[in-house]
Amino acid sequence: LENILVGPGDMLWLIDFAQTRDGHTLQDFAHLYAELVAHILAPQYTNPENFLALLYDRQSSTHTPFHALLAEVKDFASRCLFNPAHLSEWHLSLGLTCLGALKFSNLSSHSRHLLYLTGAYQLSLLL
């Protein structure tokens, strides 16, 4: 998230490509999604049940800016899929990325908890 700048006219700029690597673009979107959960959503959703409602798209969450933000990342990610109509690639990538982020010691236990819930939810969609 630190490498996204907002300029005049709300133009977005991506900077700092020092850590680029070979890999599927889908993984970049999964990392962005996990960063949003850990650093943007975690402070806003102190109650895990409310966060789960956002993931499950319950209550009036469809009108929150957070739901729209996550939906936008998912939409962009779906354009990288072999078959955009089948989201299993996305669910697997995002689930594993969120679970993999649990190892980072700079994350709060609450952020890790929401990442765990996100990972588990995404992987459950594969069943």
Protein backbone atom coordinates (compact mmCIF):
# COMPACT_ATOMS: atom_id res chain seq x y z
CA LEU A 1 0.00 0.00 0.00
CA GLU A 2 2.93 2.34 0.57
CA ASN A 3 3.72 2.16 -3.15
CA ILE A 4 0.43 3.65 -4.36
CA LEU A 5 0.24 7.42 -4.67
CA VAL A 6 -2.86 9.46 -5.41
CA GLY A 7 -2.17 12.47 -7.60
CA PRO A 8 -4.16 15.35 -9.05
CA GLY A 9 -7.56 14.33 -10.34
CA ASP A 10 -7.41 11.18 -8.18
CA MET A 11 -4.97 9.56 -10.60
CA LEU A 12 -3.23 6.53 -9.11
CA TRP A 13 0.51 6.00 -9.49
CA LEU A 14 2.41 2.83 -8.70
CA ILE A 15 6.00 3.41 -7.58
CA ASP A 16 9.03 1.52 -6.30
CA PHE A 17 9.46 -1.59 -8.40
CA ALA A 18 12.68 -2.62 -6.62
CA GLN A 19 11.05 -5.79 -5.30
CA THR A 20 9.50 -7.01 -8.55
CA ARG A 21 9.74 -10.69 -9.36
CA ASP A 22 8.51 -13.24 -11.85
CA GLY A 23 5.13 -14.66 -11.06
CA HIS A 24 1.48 -14.55 -11.89
CA THR A 25 -0.19 -11.13 -11.67
CA LEU A 26 -2.99 -12.74 -9.68
CA GLN A 27 -0.56 -13.07 -6.79
CA ASP A 28 -0.03 -9.30 -6.76
CA PHE A 29 -3.76 -8.72 -6.39
CA ALA A 30 -3.93 -11.32 -3.62
CA HIS A 31 -1.12 -9.51 -1.78
CA LEU A 32 -2.91 -6.18 -2.21
CA TYR A 33 -6.13 -7.68 -0.84
CA ALA A 34 -4.28 -9.13 2.17
CA GLU A 35 -2.62 -5.75 2.81
CA LEU A 36 -6.03 -4.08 2.75
CA VAL A 37 -7.38 -6.58 5.27
CA ALA A 38 -4.39 -6.28 7.60
CA HIS A 39 -3.85 -2.52 7.48
CA ILE A 40 -7.08 -0.84 6.37
CA LEU A 41 -9.92 -3.12 7.45
CA ALA A 42 -8.50 -4.46 10.73
CA PRO A 43 -8.63 -1.06 12.47
CA GLN A 44 -12.20 -0.54 11.22
CA TYR A 45 -13.54 -3.98 12.12
CA THR A 46 -12.69 -4.60 15.75
CA ASN A 47 -15.42 -7.23 15.98
CA PRO A 48 -14.59 -10.35 13.90
CA GLU A 49 -18.30 -11.11 13.43
CA ASN A 50 -18.78 -7.78 11.64
CA PHE A 51 -15.79 -8.55 9.44
CA LEU A 52 -17.23 -11.97 8.60
CA ALA A 53 -20.49 -10.25 7.63
CA LEU A 54 -18.45 -8.17 5.18
CA LEU A 55 -16.80 -11.30 3.76
CA TYR A 56 -20.09 -13.16 3.52
CA ASP A 57 -21.70 -10.05 2.02
CA ARG A 58 -24.38 -9.95 4.70
CA GLN A 59 -26.18 -6.98 6.28
CA SER A 60 -25.92 -3.71 4.37
CA SER A 61 -22.21 -4.20 3.69
CA THR A 62 -22.74 -4.00 -0.06
CA HIS A 63 -23.01 -0.24 0.31
CA THR A 64 -19.90 0.29 2.40
CA PRO A 65 -16.77 1.71 0.80
CA PHE A 66 -14.81 -1.24 2.20
CA HIS A 67 -16.99 -3.74 0.37
CA ALA A 68 -16.62 -1.72 -2.82
CA LEU A 69 -12.84 -1.62 -2.40
CA LEU A 70 -12.56 -5.38 -1.94
CA ALA A 71 -14.95 -5.98 -4.83
CA GLU A 72 -12.82 -3.77 -7.08
CA VAL A 73 -9.64 -5.72 -6.26
CA LYS A 74 -11.50 -8.97 -6.91
CA ASP A 75 -12.80 -7.59 -10.22
CA PHE A 76 -9.32 -6.63 -11.41
CA ALA A 77 -7.96 -9.99 -10.26
CA SER A 78 -10.67 -11.85 -12.16
CA ARG A 79 -9.30 -10.37 -15.39
CA CYS A 80 -6.09 -12.34 -14.79
CA LEU A 81 -7.83 -15.71 -14.49
CA PHE A 82 -7.64 -18.43 -17.10
CA ASN A 83 -11.44 -18.45 -17.06
CA PRO A 84 -12.91 -15.32 -15.44
CA ALA A 85 -16.21 -17.13 -14.92
CA HIS A 86 -14.52 -19.60 -12.52
CA LEU A 87 -13.08 -17.86 -9.48
CA SER A 88 -11.42 -20.93 -7.95
CA GLU A 89 -7.96 -19.65 -8.96
CA TRP A 90 -8.66 -16.41 -7.13
CA HIS A 91 -10.00 -18.12 -4.01
CA LEU A 92 -6.97 -20.41 -3.83
CA SER A 93 -4.46 -17.62 -4.42
CA LEU A 94 -6.07 -15.26 -1.92
CA GLY A 95 -6.61 -17.97 0.68
CA LEU A 96 -3.00 -19.11 0.58
CA THR A 97 -1.68 -15.54 0.53
CA CYS A 98 -3.69 -14.58 3.62
CA LEU A 99 -2.59 -17.70 5.48
CA GLY A 100 1.01 -17.09 4.41
CA ALA A 101 0.87 -13.56 5.82
CA LEU A 102 0.27 -14.93 9.31
CA LYS A 103 4.03 -15.40 9.70
CA PHE A 104 4.76 -11.65 9.64
CA SER A 105 5.64 -10.48 13.13
CA ASN A 106 4.86 -6.82 12.35
CA LEU A 107 1.12 -7.59 12.21
CA SER A 108 -1.08 -7.29 15.26
CA SER A 109 -2.86 -10.37 16.54
CA HIS A 110 -6.13 -8.80 15.41
CA SER A 111 -4.81 -8.31 11.85
CA ARG A 112 -3.61 -11.90 11.83
CA HIS A 113 -7.01 -13.05 13.05
CA LEU A 114 -8.80 -11.26 10.19
CA LEU A 115 -6.27 -12.62 7.68
CA TYR A 116 -6.89 -16.11 9.04
CA LEU A 117 -10.65 -15.65 8.69
CA THR A 118 -10.21 -14.33 5.15
CA GLY A 119 -7.94 -17.22 4.18
CA ALA A 120 -10.25 -19.82 5.69
CA TYR A 121 -13.28 -18.26 4.03
CA GLN A 122 -11.62 -18.14 0.60
CA LEU A 123 -10.46 -21.74 0.84
CA SER A 124 -13.91 -22.87 2.00
CA LEU A 125 -15.30 -21.53 -1.28
CA LEU A 126 -13.30 -24.22 -3.08
CA LEU A 127 -15.26 -27.03 -1.41
